Protein backbone atom coordinates (compact mmCIF):
# COMPACT_ATOMS: atom_id res chain seq x y z
CA MET A 1 22.48 -23.07 2.57
CA ALA A 2 25.97 -22.53 4.30
CA ASN A 3 26.90 -19.73 6.46
CA ARG A 4 27.91 -16.55 4.58
CA GLY A 5 30.56 -14.18 5.12
CA ALA A 6 33.99 -14.46 6.60
CA ILE A 7 34.56 -15.26 10.25
CA LEU A 8 36.99 -12.85 11.69
CA ARG A 9 38.81 -12.57 15.11
CA GLY A 10 38.87 -9.82 17.54
CA ARG A 11 36.59 -6.88 18.05
CA GLY A 12 34.43 -5.79 15.21
CA PRO A 13 34.82 -2.14 13.67
CA SER A 14 32.88 0.99 14.71
CA VAL A 15 29.95 1.52 12.35
CA PHE A 16 29.32 5.11 13.35
CA PRO A 17 31.55 8.08 13.12
CA SER A 18 30.97 8.99 16.71
CA SER A 19 32.45 6.45 19.28
CA LEU A 20 29.53 7.60 21.66
CA ILE A 21 26.78 6.39 19.34
CA ASP A 22 28.68 3.09 18.57
CA HIS A 23 29.12 2.48 22.34
CA ILE A 24 25.17 3.07 22.61
CA VAL A 25 24.36 0.64 19.78
CA HIS A 26 26.72 -2.05 20.83
CA VAL A 27 26.93 -2.20 24.66
CA HIS A 28 29.09 -3.89 27.21
CA PRO A 29 27.26 -7.08 28.58
CA LEU A 30 26.93 -5.57 32.03
CA VAL A 31 24.65 -2.82 30.60
CA ALA A 32 21.96 -5.32 29.80
CA VAL A 33 22.12 -6.58 33.45
CA ALA A 34 21.99 -3.04 34.82
CA LEU A 35 19.14 -2.20 32.47
CA TYR A 36 16.80 -5.08 33.04
CA THR A 37 17.46 -6.47 36.47
CA PRO A 38 15.52 -3.54 38.09
CA VAL A 39 12.56 -4.12 35.68
CA ILE A 40 12.49 -7.80 36.55
CA VAL A 41 12.56 -7.08 40.20
CA LEU A 42 9.98 -4.22 40.11
CA THR A 43 7.62 -6.10 38.07
CA ALA A 44 7.73 -9.28 40.27
CA VAL A 45 7.25 -7.24 43.42
CA ALA A 46 4.45 -5.41 42.07
CA SER A 47 2.49 -8.58 41.43
CA LEU A 48 3.01 -10.18 44.83
CA ASP A 49 -0.32 -9.17 46.17
CA HIS A 50 -2.33 -9.74 43.03
CA ALA A 51 -2.47 -13.64 42.92
CA ALA A 52 -1.66 -16.69 44.84
CA PRO A 53 1.95 -17.99 44.83
CA LEU A 54 1.43 -20.93 42.41
CA ALA A 55 -0.50 -18.58 40.13
CA LEU A 56 2.40 -16.16 40.08
CA VAL A 57 4.75 -18.87 39.29
CA ALA A 58 2.51 -20.05 36.49
CA TRP A 59 2.25 -16.40 34.98
CA ALA A 60 6.18 -16.11 35.23
CA VAL A 61 6.51 -19.48 33.46
CA GLY A 62 3.92 -18.18 30.76
CA GLY A 63 5.93 -14.93 30.29
CA TYR A 64 9.29 -16.92 30.05
CA LEU A 65 7.78 -19.25 27.34
CA THR A 66 6.52 -16.29 25.33
CA TRP A 67 9.90 -14.76 25.33
CA THR A 68 11.43 -18.14 24.12
CA LEU A 69 8.99 -17.83 21.13
CA ALA A 70 10.02 -14.26 20.59
CA GLU A 71 13.50 -15.34 20.74
CA TYR A 72 13.19 -17.92 18.07
CA TRP A 73 11.04 -15.85 15.64
CA GLY A 74 13.04 -12.67 16.26
CA HIS A 75 16.21 -14.41 15.40
CA ARG A 76 14.75 -16.24 12.40
CA ILE A 77 12.63 -13.46 10.85
CA VAL A 78 14.18 -10.18 12.12
CA LEU A 79 17.85 -10.79 12.72
CA HIS A 80 18.30 -13.23 9.62
CA PHE A 81 16.36 -11.04 7.33
CA GLU A 82 19.12 -10.01 4.89
CA PRO A 83 18.34 -7.60 2.34
CA GLU A 84 20.89 -7.04 -0.49
CA GLN A 85 20.96 -3.19 -0.19
CA GLY A 86 19.40 -0.27 1.25
CA TRP A 87 18.61 0.64 4.83
CA GLY A 88 17.57 -2.90 5.57
CA ALA A 89 21.03 -4.31 4.64
CA TRP A 90 22.56 -1.56 6.83
CA PHE A 91 20.34 -2.44 9.78
CA HIS A 92 20.96 -5.99 9.60
CA HIS A 93 24.63 -5.41 9.42
CA ILE A 94 24.59 -3.39 12.58
CA VAL A 95 22.20 -5.54 14.75
CA HIS A 96 23.33 -8.97 13.61
CA GLY A 97 25.74 -9.16 10.68
CA LEU A 98 28.66 -8.08 12.69
CA HIS A 99 27.90 -10.63 15.13
CA HIS A 100 28.27 -13.24 12.58
CA GLU A 101 31.48 -11.89 11.14
CA TYR A 102 33.08 -11.24 14.71
CA PRO A 103 31.45 -13.86 16.84
CA GLN A 104 34.00 -13.44 19.74
CA ASP A 105 33.25 -9.71 20.19
CA ALA A 106 31.40 -9.71 23.40
CA ARG A 107 29.55 -6.40 22.60
CA ARG A 108 27.98 -8.06 19.73
CA ALA A 109 26.85 -11.08 21.74
CA ILE A 110 24.49 -8.85 23.65
CA MET A 111 21.31 -7.65 21.87
CA SER A 112 21.62 -4.07 20.83
CA PRO A 113 19.56 -1.58 22.89
CA LEU A 114 18.26 -0.43 19.46
CA LEU A 115 16.33 -3.85 19.53
CA SER A 116 16.17 -4.91 23.35
CA ILE A 117 14.62 -1.68 24.77
CA PRO A 118 11.57 -1.68 22.07
CA VAL A 119 11.05 -5.44 22.68
CA VAL A 120 10.96 -5.21 26.54
CA ALA A 121 8.84 -1.96 26.47
CA THR A 122 6.30 -3.45 24.09
CA ALA A 123 6.09 -6.46 26.27
CA LEU A 124 5.43 -4.50 29.36
CA VAL A 125 2.96 -2.23 27.70
CA LEU A 126 0.92 -4.98 25.97
CA SER A 127 0.82 -7.53 28.92
CA ILE A 128 0.20 -5.06 31.67
CA VAL A 129 -1.42 -2.06 30.24
CA VAL A 130 -3.38 -3.56 27.15
CA VAL A 131 -4.24 -7.01 28.12
CA GLY A 132 -4.14 -6.61 31.99
CA LEU A 133 -2.08 -9.58 32.81
CA PRO A 134 -0.17 -9.65 36.25
CA SER A 135 3.18 -8.01 36.01
CA MET A 136 4.79 -11.35 37.10
CA TYR A 137 4.15 -12.36 33.42
CA ALA A 138 6.22 -9.36 32.21
CA ALA A 139 8.86 -10.31 34.89
CA GLY A 140 9.04 -13.80 33.43
CA PHE A 141 9.35 -12.35 29.79
CA VAL A 142 12.11 -9.85 30.71
CA LEU A 143 13.96 -12.63 32.82
CA GLY A 144 13.90 -14.90 29.81
CA TYR A 145 15.28 -12.07 27.59
CA LEU A 146 18.25 -11.31 30.07
CA SER A 147 18.76 -15.11 30.60
CA TYR A 148 19.08 -15.45 26.73
CA ASP A 149 21.61 -12.50 26.49
CA LEU A 150 23.82 -13.95 29.18
CA ILE A 151 23.49 -17.60 27.85
CA HIS A 152 24.44 -16.24 24.44
CA LEU A 153 27.40 -14.52 25.73
CA TYR A 154 28.52 -17.46 27.69
CA LEU A 155 28.18 -19.96 24.58
CA HIS A 156 30.61 -17.60 22.64
CA HIS A 157 33.24 -17.16 25.40
CA SER A 158 33.37 -20.58 26.88
CA ARG A 159 33.88 -24.23 26.07
CA PRO A 160 31.44 -26.21 28.56
CA LYS A 161 32.50 -29.82 28.92
CA ALA A 162 29.17 -31.39 30.10
CA GLY A 163 25.52 -30.83 30.79
CA PRO A 164 22.83 -28.48 29.09
CA MET A 165 25.27 -25.86 28.35
CA ARG A 166 27.48 -28.15 26.25
CA TRP A 167 24.44 -29.10 24.36
CA LEU A 168 23.47 -25.41 23.87
CA HIS A 169 27.11 -24.40 22.94
CA GLU A 170 27.20 -27.29 20.32
CA LEU A 171 23.84 -26.21 18.66
CA HIS A 172 24.81 -22.62 18.52
CA MET A 173 28.22 -23.14 17.00
CA ARG A 174 26.57 -25.28 14.34
CA HIS A 175 24.33 -22.17 13.56
CA HIS A 176 27.26 -19.98 13.38
CA PHE A 177 30.01 -22.20 11.52
CA ARG A 178 27.80 -24.64 9.52
CA ASP A 179 24.51 -23.29 8.68
CA ASP A 180 22.92 -19.74 9.68
CA THR A 181 19.75 -20.61 8.14
CA ARG A 182 18.86 -23.08 10.83
CA GLY A 183 19.26 -23.33 14.60
CA PHE A 184 17.61 -20.15 15.70
CA GLY A 185 16.66 -21.07 19.21
CA VAL A 186 19.76 -20.16 21.30
CA SER A 187 18.50 -20.56 24.89
CA ALA A 188 15.43 -22.58 23.80
CA PRO A 189 16.55 -25.01 20.90
CA TYR A 190 13.32 -27.04 21.29
CA TRP A 191 11.53 -24.46 19.05
CA ASP A 192 13.89 -25.59 16.22
CA LYS A 193 12.49 -29.16 16.57
CA VAL A 194 8.87 -27.84 16.57
CA PHE A 195 9.37 -25.62 13.53
CA GLY A 196 11.63 -27.93 11.63
CA THR A 197 14.83 -25.90 11.68
CA SER A 198 17.05 -28.07 13.73
CA ILE A 199 20.73 -28.68 12.87
CA THR A 200 21.25 -32.31 13.59
CA ARG A 201 24.25 -34.65 13.52
CA SER A 202 22.79 -36.85 10.67
CA ARG A 203 22.36 -33.60 8.80
CA ARG A 204 26.20 -32.92 9.14
CA ALA A 205 27.03 -36.49 8.06
CA ALA A 206 25.05 -35.95 5.02
CA GLN A 207 26.87 -32.78 3.95
């Protein structure tokens, strides 16, 4: 199924009558850095005396990998759930639809706090309070999320010439401009391979 909706240049329109509310929903990229860098540092420092160094690295990697799965399935199921009408259509338009319509709007390239704060808070509570994992696991998860946000921003506002970023850029642009029903792993596209949603060169040639 091909990408739906017009691709528009410039900054997307405000979706709330109040400019203050609109700036809370769609934030400047530095807001994400300011919000979540202290969370990463605090959760990492809090775990330093609770396990051996190699174990802490393993917990951080585990948290990161958990984020990449959350990124894939959240993008596939939540952000691309597109009801035709009602509050679901309105919600999708705000949190992701505008990003596909205005892919060069930097504020829409960062996950809205409407989603990121509940996601991060849930990860912290479940991993540390409910399950009792070392907080280094949460640090890895939040670092994975913040890395995703910044990588996503970079992919929309740069043209990398070589290396992993060129590969990620090519894959994500296929998602935007060829087929938005595939290619859901932005920072971790290997999950598209695992779950059968890759956009491949051979697929392009077949169209």
